[in-house]
Amino acid sequence: MNIFKNMIRLLLVFSLLCAFFIMVPFAFADEAQVTLPPLNLNPSPSLSTDLNLNPSPPVPSQPESSPSLSQIQPGNETLPSFENSTSRVYQDPKGLYTITFPEGSSQTPGVDEKIAMFNVPDNGKVYILKVESTEEANEGVTDIQDEMVKSGAQMFGQSTLNASGKQGKVILFSMDGKALSEMTGQQFSAVPHAILLTYFPGTSLAMIIVVPKDSYKNAQPWILEILNGAVFK
């Protein structure tokens, strides 16, 4: 009998325990509800479903601006040249005529302020009379011609040419280098020299061209270039 009662008690206790474990979760369900996000078959427009396998690289921050290489390095500057083209051009102080000399020529200080002098190819020299009128040019040519003849120069011939519509006269002389040095006060080699006395009647242009006689033939092209290239205003 006692055993039967004990079994009944155990069954009651077991039933109460089962009822307790079954009822307790429901009692706390309203106080702490835990939900999972729903399975949304139509994603929100604000969310993207594309998987970007090539993300854009991050934009590097701009460094502080610094001068470019072109700003630091010099441009197309050039160094001064010994062959300055302007040194080969002679213009009358009044702008009445302009003469251009061949490459390799250079102006050098004249024997006096009334003469412009250029060193030219073939060991030659050119003397330009600085005069202000046609009359002075004619007088200068006559005086030089007389002085050359007195110093032993020999005349070989003369010719005419045209430059810018002006007719020029050219007289050819031959003169010993030693006598030429004494007449001009400048140093010339002792060999014979060819001297061209050139003037343009009606203008103030008069010049003397001197080259060694042996170089005269080779010098004729650039001599004609000088004379024919004279430009008158």
C-alpha atoms as a PDB file:
ATOM      1  CA  MET A   1       0.000   0.000   0.000  1.00  0.00           C
ATOM      2  CA  ASN A   2       2.772   2.386   0.892  1.00  0.00           C
ATOM      3  CA  ILE A   3       4.584   1.491  -2.300  1.00  0.00           C
ATOM      4  CA  PHE A   4       1.458   2.320  -4.297  1.00  0.00           C
ATOM      5  CA  LYS A   5       1.147   5.699  -2.603  1.00  0.00           C
ATOM      6  CA  ASN A   6       4.771   6.504  -3.277  1.00  0.00           C
ATOM      7  CA  MET A   7       4.337   5.699  -6.950  1.00  0.00           C
ATOM      8  CA  ILE A   8       1.348   8.026  -7.156  1.00  0.00           C
ATOM      9  CA  ARG A   9       3.370  10.804  -5.541  1.00  0.00           C
ATOM     10  CA  LEU A  10       6.208  10.318  -7.994  1.00  0.00           C
ATOM     11  CA  LEU A  11       3.775  10.503 -10.908  1.00  0.00           C
ATOM     12  CA  LEU A  12       2.303  13.728  -9.565  1.00  0.00           C
ATOM     13  CA  VAL A  13       5.721  15.263  -9.062  1.00  0.00           C
ATOM     14  CA  PHE A  14       6.780  14.198 -12.571  1.00  0.00           C
ATOM     15  CA  SER A  15       3.578  15.663 -14.045  1.00  0.00           C
ATOM     16  CA  LEU A  16       4.104  18.967 -12.258  1.00  0.00           C
ATOM     17  CA  LEU A  17       7.696  19.187 -13.462  1.00  0.00           C
ATOM     18  CA  CYS A  18       6.636  18.504 -17.036  1.00  0.00           C
ATOM     19  CA  ALA A  19       3.911  21.118 -16.816  1.00  0.00           C
ATOM     20  CA  PHE A  20       6.416  23.631 -15.389  1.00  0.00           C
ATOM     21  CA  PHE A  21       8.951  23.175 -18.198  1.00  0.00           C
ATOM     22  CA  ILE A  22       6.223  23.398 -20.794  1.00  0.00           C
ATOM     23  CA  MET A  23       4.571  26.562 -19.451  1.00  0.00           C
ATOM     24  CA  VAL A  24       7.650  28.640 -18.479  1.00  0.00           C
ATOM     25  CA  PRO A  25       8.842  29.471 -22.071  1.00  0.00           C
ATOM     26  CA  PHE A  26       5.379  30.689 -23.030  1.00  0.00           C
ATOM     27  CA  ALA A  27       5.262  32.868 -19.961  1.00  0.00           C
ATOM     28  CA  PHE A  28       8.394  34.803 -21.033  1.00  0.00           C
ATOM     29  CA  ALA A  29       7.679  34.830 -24.775  1.00  0.00           C
ATOM     30  CA  ASP A  30       5.830  38.159 -24.756  1.00  0.00           C
ATOM     31  CA  GLU A  31       8.555  39.892 -22.766  1.00  0.00           C
ATOM     32  CA  ALA A  32      11.515  39.014 -25.110  1.00  0.00           C
ATOM     33  CA  GLN A  33      10.590  38.285 -28.711  1.00  0.00           C
ATOM     34  CA  VAL A  34      13.548  37.514 -30.984  1.00  0.00           C
ATOM     35  CA  THR A  35      12.838  37.795 -34.757  1.00  0.00           C
ATOM     36  CA  LEU A  36      14.946  37.068 -37.856  1.00  0.00           C
ATOM     37  CA  PRO A  37      14.933  39.361 -40.917  1.00  0.00           C
ATOM     38  CA  PRO A  38      12.336  38.175 -43.414  1.00  0.00           C
ATOM     39  CA  LEU A  39      13.377  36.668 -46.715  1.00  0.00           C
ATOM     40  CA  ASN A  40      12.701  39.588 -49.034  1.00  0.00           C
ATOM     41  CA  LEU A  41      12.277  38.419 -52.613  1.00  0.00           C
ATOM     42  CA  ASN A  42      11.965  42.031 -53.867  1.00  0.00           C
ATOM     43  CA  PRO A  43      14.983  43.910 -52.483  1.00  0.00           C
ATOM     44  CA  SER A  44      14.678  47.531 -51.640  1.00  0.00           C
ATOM     45  CA  PRO A  45      15.890  49.984 -54.328  1.00  0.00           C
ATOM     46  CA  SER A  46      18.332  51.420 -51.843  1.00  0.00           C
ATOM     47  CA  LEU A  47      20.170  48.112 -51.675  1.00  0.00           C
ATOM     48  CA  SER A  48      22.171  46.730 -54.618  1.00  0.00           C
ATOM     49  CA  THR A  49      22.164  43.020 -55.484  1.00  0.00           C
ATOM     50  CA  ASP A  50      25.174  43.342 -57.863  1.00  0.00           C
ATOM     51  CA  LEU A  51      28.453  41.980 -56.666  1.00  0.00           C
ATOM     52  CA  ASN A  52      31.208  44.361 -57.858  1.00  0.00           C
ATOM     53  CA  LEU A  53      34.307  42.260 -58.424  1.00  0.00           C
ATOM     54  CA  ASN A  54      36.283  45.278 -59.780  1.00  0.00           C
ATOM     55  CA  PRO A  55      35.891  48.024 -57.253  1.00  0.00           C
ATOM     56  CA  SER A  56      37.208  51.452 -58.251  1.00  0.00           C
ATOM     57  CA  PRO A  57      40.620  52.131 -56.817  1.00  0.00           C
ATOM     58  CA  PRO A  58      40.686  54.677 -54.074  1.00  0.00           C
ATOM     59  CA  VAL A  59      41.371  58.201 -55.296  1.00  0.00           C
ATOM     60  CA  PRO A  60      44.769  59.195 -53.951  1.00  0.00           C
ATOM     61  CA  SER A  61      45.011  62.451 -52.161  1.00  0.00           C
ATOM     62  CA  GLN A  62      46.511  65.230 -54.258  1.00  0.00           C
ATOM     63  CA  PRO A  63      50.035  66.113 -53.154  1.00  0.00           C
ATOM     64  CA  GLU A  64      51.009  69.669 -52.713  1.00  0.00           C
ATOM     65  CA  SER A  65      51.561  71.321 -56.071  1.00  0.00           C
ATOM     66  CA  SER A  66      55.186  71.651 -57.101  1.00  0.00           C
ATOM     67  CA  PRO A  67      56.713  73.331 -60.148  1.00  0.00           C
ATOM     68  CA  SER A  68      56.866  71.133 -63.232  1.00  0.00           C
ATOM     69  CA  LEU A  69      60.136  70.154 -64.860  1.00  0.00           C
ATOM     70  CA  SER A  70      59.540  72.620 -67.667  1.00  0.00           C
ATOM     71  CA  GLN A  71      59.182  75.366 -65.105  1.00  0.00           C
ATOM     72  CA  ILE A  72      62.446  74.468 -63.436  1.00  0.00           C
ATOM     73  CA  GLN A  73      64.584  73.786 -66.456  1.00  0.00           C
ATOM     74  CA  PRO A  74      65.528  76.575 -68.836  1.00  0.00           C
ATOM     75  CA  GLY A  75      63.663  76.898 -72.109  1.00  0.00           C
ATOM     76  CA  ASN A  76      65.164  77.212 -75.530  1.00  0.00           C
ATOM     77  CA  GLU A  77      67.706  79.801 -74.589  1.00  0.00           C
ATOM     78  CA  THR A  78      70.832  79.965 -76.710  1.00  0.00           C
ATOM     79  CA  LEU A  79      74.312  81.112 -75.850  1.00  0.00           C
ATOM     80  CA  PRO A  80      75.805  84.113 -77.615  1.00  0.00           C
ATOM     81  CA  SER A  81      77.423  83.225 -80.922  1.00  0.00           C
ATOM     82  CA  PHE A  82      80.607  84.551 -82.425  1.00  0.00           C
ATOM     83  CA  GLU A  83      78.743  84.474 -85.756  1.00  0.00           C
ATOM     84  CA  ASN A  84      76.209  87.203 -85.024  1.00  0.00           C
ATOM     85  CA  SER A  85      74.406  88.019 -88.270  1.00  0.00           C
ATOM     86  CA  THR A  86      73.838  91.632 -87.208  1.00  0.00           C
ATOM     87  CA  SER A  87      77.619  92.140 -87.042  1.00  0.00           C
ATOM     88  CA  ARG A  88      77.735  91.372 -90.764  1.00  0.00           C
ATOM     89  CA  VAL A  89      75.340  94.167 -91.681  1.00  0.00           C
ATOM     90  CA  TYR A  90      76.372  97.770 -92.064  1.00  0.00           C
ATOM     91  CA  GLN A  91      73.810 100.540 -92.242  1.00  0.00           C
ATOM     92  CA  ASP A  92      74.609 104.097 -93.140  1.00  0.00           C
ATOM     93  CA  PRO A  93      74.169 106.356 -90.072  1.00  0.00           C
ATOM     94  CA  LYS A  94      71.414 108.207 -91.930  1.00  0.00           C
ATOM     95  CA  GLY A  95      69.851 104.989 -93.152  1.00  0.00           C
ATOM     96  CA  LEU A  96      70.557 105.797 -96.803  1.00  0.00           C
ATOM     97  CA  TYR A  97      71.891 102.325 -97.626  1.00  0.00           C
ATOM     98  CA  THR A  98      72.568  98.902 -96.109  1.00  0.00           C
ATOM     99  CA  ILE A  99      75.332  96.433 -96.944  1.00  0.00           C
ATOM    100  CA  THR A 100      75.396  92.776 -95.931  1.00  0.00           C
ATOM    101  CA  PHE A 101      78.733  90.967 -95.743  1.00  0.00           C
ATOM    102  CA  PRO A 102      79.285  87.212 -96.264  1.00  0.00           C
ATOM    103  CA  GLU A 103      79.530  84.658 -93.478  1.00  0.00           C
ATOM    104  CA  GLY A 104      82.817  84.796 -91.672  1.00  0.00           C
ATOM    105  CA  SER A 105      82.904  88.596 -91.811  1.00  0.00           C
ATOM    106  CA  SER A 106      83.037  90.821 -88.762  1.00  0.00           C
ATOM    107  CA  GLN A 107      83.235  94.515 -88.088  1.00  0.00           C
ATOM    108  CA  THR A 108      86.401  95.813 -86.500  1.00  0.00           C
ATOM    109  CA  PRO A 109      87.417  99.279 -85.316  1.00  0.00           C
ATOM    110  CA  GLY A 110      88.267 101.524 -88.275  1.00  0.00           C
ATOM    111  CA  VAL A 111      91.468 103.406 -88.776  1.00  0.00           C
ATOM    112  CA  ASP A 112      89.566 106.565 -87.857  1.00  0.00           C
ATOM    113  CA  GLU A 113      86.011 107.671 -87.103  1.00  0.00           C
ATOM    114  CA  LYS A 114      85.313 108.452 -90.764  1.00  0.00           C
ATOM    115  CA  ILE A 115      85.841 104.857 -91.894  1.00  0.00           C
ATOM    116  CA  ALA A 116      83.926 101.657 -91.061  1.00  0.00           C
ATOM    117  CA  MET A 117      86.083  98.554 -91.463  1.00  0.00           C
ATOM    118  CA  PHE A 118      85.195  94.855 -91.855  1.00  0.00           C
ATOM    119  CA  ASN A 119      87.336  91.744 -91.894  1.00  0.00           C
ATOM    120  CA  VAL A 120      86.110  89.520 -94.732  1.00  0.00           C
ATOM    121  CA  PRO A 121      86.988  86.055 -96.119  1.00  0.00           C
ATOM    122  CA  ASP A 122      90.228  85.319 -97.960  1.00  0.00           C
ATOM    123  CA  ASN A 123      92.192  87.548 -95.554  1.00  0.00           C
ATOM    124  CA  GLY A 124      90.469  90.573 -97.000  1.00  0.00           C
ATOM    125  CA  LYS A 125      89.367  93.920 -95.631  1.00  0.00           C
ATOM    126  CA  VAL A 126      86.614  96.320 -96.605  1.00  0.00           C
ATOM    127  CA  TYR A 127      86.694 100.046 -95.848  1.00  0.00           C
ATOM    128  CA  ILE A 128      83.491 102.096 -96.067  1.00  0.00           C
ATOM    129  CA  LEU A 129      83.713 105.867 -96.175  1.00  0.00           C
ATOM    130  CA  LYS A 130      81.389 107.538 -93.678  1.00  0.00           C
ATOM    131  CA  VAL A 131      80.219 110.581 -95.629  1.00  0.00           C
ATOM    132  CA  GLU A 132      76.956 112.486 -95.573  1.00  0.00           C
ATOM    133  CA  SER A 133      76.585 113.521 -99.193  1.00  0.00           C
ATOM    134  CA  THR A 134      77.316 112.518-102.778  1.00  0.00           C
ATOM    135  CA  GLU A 135      79.838 115.311-103.084  1.00  0.00           C
ATOM    136  CA  GLU A 136      81.817 114.057-100.085  1.00  0.00           C
ATOM    137  CA  ALA A 137      81.785 110.532-101.484  1.00  0.00           C
ATOM    138  CA  ASN A 138      83.132 111.710-104.846  1.00  0.00           C
ATOM    139  CA  GLU A 139      85.845 113.773-103.190  1.00  0.00           C
ATOM    140  CA  GLY A 140      86.832 110.863-100.963  1.00  0.00           C
ATOM    141  CA  VAL A 141      87.142 108.475-103.917  1.00  0.00           C
ATOM    142  CA  THR A 142      89.274 110.966-105.862  1.00  0.00           C
ATOM    143  CA  ASP A 143      91.614 111.572-102.913  1.00  0.00           C
ATOM    144  CA  ILE A 144      92.071 107.836-102.263  1.00  0.00           C
ATOM    145  CA  GLN A 145      92.741 107.116-105.932  1.00  0.00           C
ATOM    146  CA  ASP A 146      95.373 109.837-106.130  1.00  0.00           C
ATOM    147  CA  GLU A 147      97.063 108.629-102.956  1.00  0.00           C
ATOM    148  CA  MET A 148      97.142 105.028-104.198  1.00  0.00           C
ATOM    149  CA  VAL A 149      98.757 106.030-107.493  1.00  0.00           C
ATOM    150  CA  LYS A 150     101.367 108.078-105.614  1.00  0.00           C
ATOM    151  CA  SER A 151     102.094 105.021-103.432  1.00  0.00           C
ATOM    152  CA  GLY A 152     102.781 102.834-106.447  1.00  0.00           C
ATOM    153  CA  ALA A 153      99.368 101.282-107.161  1.00  0.00           C
ATOM    154  CA  GLN A 154      98.736 100.223-110.751  1.00  0.00           C
ATOM    155  CA  MET A 155      95.280 100.394-112.329  1.00  0.00           C
ATOM    156  CA  PHE A 156      94.261  97.306-114.308  1.00  0.00           C
ATOM    157  CA  GLY A 157      90.723  98.070-115.388  1.00  0.00           C
ATOM    158  CA  GLN A 158      87.232  99.113-114.456  1.00  0.00           C
ATOM    159  CA  SER A 159      83.650  97.898-114.802  1.00  0.00           C
ATOM    160  CA  THR A 160      80.084  98.814-113.875  1.00  0.00           C
ATOM    161  CA  LEU A 161      77.374  96.997-111.944  1.00  0.00           C
ATOM    162  CA  ASN A 162      73.834  97.558-110.676  1.00  0.00           C
ATOM    163  CA  ALA A 163      72.464  97.372-107.156  1.00  0.00           C
ATOM    164  CA  SER A 164      68.896  98.312-106.227  1.00  0.00           C
ATOM    165  CA  GLY A 165      68.576 100.278-109.451  1.00  0.00           C
ATOM    166  CA  LYS A 166      71.764 102.235-108.787  1.00  0.00           C
ATOM    167  CA  GLN A 167      74.762 102.002-111.087  1.00  0.00           C
ATOM    168  CA  GLY A 168      78.115 101.445-109.469  1.00  0.00           C
ATOM    169  CA  LYS A 169      81.647 101.845-110.780  1.00  0.00           C
ATOM    170  CA  VAL A 170      84.480  99.514-109.845  1.00  0.00           C
ATOM    171  CA  ILE A 171      88.184 100.272-110.484  1.00  0.00           C
ATOM    172  CA  LEU A 172      90.750  97.494-110.018  1.00  0.00           C
ATOM    173  CA  PHE A 173      94.268  98.258-108.734  1.00  0.00           C
ATOM    174  CA  SER A 174      97.254  96.154-107.765  1.00  0.00           C
ATOM    175  CA  MET A 175      99.528  97.306-104.962  1.00  0.00           C
ATOM    176  CA  ASP A 176     102.438  95.865-103.047  1.00  0.00           C
ATOM    177  CA  GLY A 177     101.594  94.827 -99.480  1.00  0.00           C
ATOM    178  CA  LYS A 178     104.424  96.842 -97.963  1.00  0.00           C
ATOM    179  CA  ALA A 179     103.339 100.049 -99.716  1.00  0.00           C
ATOM    180  CA  LEU A 180      99.742  99.321 -98.732  1.00  0.00           C
ATOM    181  CA  SER A 181     100.774  98.997 -95.087  1.00  0.00           C
ATOM    182  CA  GLU A 182     102.582 102.333 -95.225  1.00  0.00           C
ATOM    183  CA  MET A 183      99.624 104.062 -96.867  1.00  0.00           C
ATOM    184  CA  THR A 184      96.943 102.739 -94.487  1.00  0.00           C
ATOM    185  CA  GLY A 185      98.966 102.402 -91.288  1.00  0.00           C
ATOM    186  CA  GLN A 186      97.772  98.773 -91.000  1.00  0.00           C
ATOM    187  CA  GLN A 187      99.702  95.559 -91.320  1.00  0.00           C
ATOM    188  CA  PHE A 188      99.430  93.689 -94.623  1.00  0.00           C
ATOM    189  CA  SER A 189     101.525  90.800 -95.898  1.00  0.00           C
ATOM    190  CA  ALA A 190     104.266  91.785 -98.351  1.00  0.00           C
ATOM    191  CA  VAL A 191     102.591  90.010-101.278  1.00  0.00           C
ATOM    192  CA  PRO A 192     100.784  92.016-103.985  1.00  0.00           C
ATOM    193  CA  HIS A 193      97.160  92.881-103.188  1.00  0.00           C
ATOM    194  CA  ALA A 194      94.128  93.512-105.351  1.00  0.00           C
ATOM    195  CA  ILE A 195      92.262  96.705-104.486  1.00  0.00           C
ATOM    196  CA  LEU A 196      88.750  97.491-105.713  1.00  0.00           C
ATOM    197  CA  LEU A 197      87.750 101.134-105.455  1.00  0.00           C
ATOM    198  CA  THR A 198      83.933 101.145-105.661  1.00  0.00           C
ATOM    199  CA  TYR A 199      81.440 103.989-105.603  1.00  0.00           C
ATOM    200  CA  PHE A 200      77.855 104.667-106.697  1.00  0.00           C
ATOM    201  CA  PRO A 201      77.471 108.109-108.345  1.00  0.00           C
ATOM    202  CA  GLY A 202      74.503 110.016-106.949  1.00  0.00           C
ATOM    203  CA  THR A 203      74.763 108.258-103.568  1.00  0.00           C
ATOM    204  CA  SER A 204      76.969 108.544-100.507  1.00  0.00           C
ATOM    205  CA  LEU A 205      78.248 104.962-100.791  1.00  0.00           C
ATOM    206  CA  ALA A 206      81.966 104.519-101.475  1.00  0.00           C
ATOM    207  CA  MET A 207      84.130 101.588-100.363  1.00  0.00           C
ATOM    208  CA  ILE A 208      87.519  99.960-100.872  1.00  0.00           C
ATOM    209  CA  ILE A 209      87.882  96.158-100.951  1.00  0.00           C
ATOM    210  CA  VAL A 210      91.350  94.672-100.407  1.00  0.00           C
ATOM    211  CA  VAL A 211      92.372  91.001-100.805  1.00  0.00           C
ATOM    212  CA  PRO A 212      95.671  89.289-101.600  1.00  0.00           C
ATOM    213  CA  LYS A 213      96.112  89.196-105.371  1.00  0.00           C
ATOM    214  CA  ASP A 214      96.319  85.390-105.386  1.00  0.00           C
ATOM    215  CA  SER A 215      92.912  85.215-103.659  1.00  0.00           C
ATOM    216  CA  TYR A 216      91.160  87.669-105.949  1.00  0.00           C
ATOM    217  CA  LYS A 217      89.726  85.040-108.304  1.00  0.00           C
ATOM    218  CA  ASN A 218      88.243  82.976-105.473  1.00  0.00           C
ATOM    219  CA  ALA A 219      86.981  86.110-103.726  1.00  0.00           C
ATOM    220  CA  GLN A 220      85.015  87.428-106.703  1.00  0.00           C
ATOM    221  CA  PRO A 221      81.721  85.608-105.815  1.00  0.00           C
ATOM    222  CA  TRP A 222      81.413  87.149-102.348  1.00  0.00           C
ATOM    223  CA  ILE A 223      82.700  90.520-103.603  1.00  0.00           C
ATOM    224  CA  LEU A 224      79.905  90.613-106.179  1.00  0.00           C
ATOM    225  CA  GLU A 225      77.489  89.489-103.452  1.00  0.00           C
ATOM    226  CA  ILE A 226      78.439  92.516-101.372  1.00  0.00           C
ATOM    227  CA  LEU A 227      78.261  95.007-104.215  1.00  0.00           C
ATOM    228  CA  ASN A 228      75.121  93.693-105.909  1.00  0.00           C
ATOM    229  CA  GLY A 229      73.438  93.259-102.518  1.00  0.00           C
ATOM    230  CA  ALA A 230      73.689  96.908-101.533  1.00  0.00           C
ATOM    231  CA  VAL A 231      70.213  98.215-100.674  1.00  0.00           C
ATOM    232  CA  PHE A 232      69.483 101.914-101.090  1.00  0.00           C
ATOM    233  CA  LYS A 233      66.609 103.807 -99.486  1.00  0.00           C
END
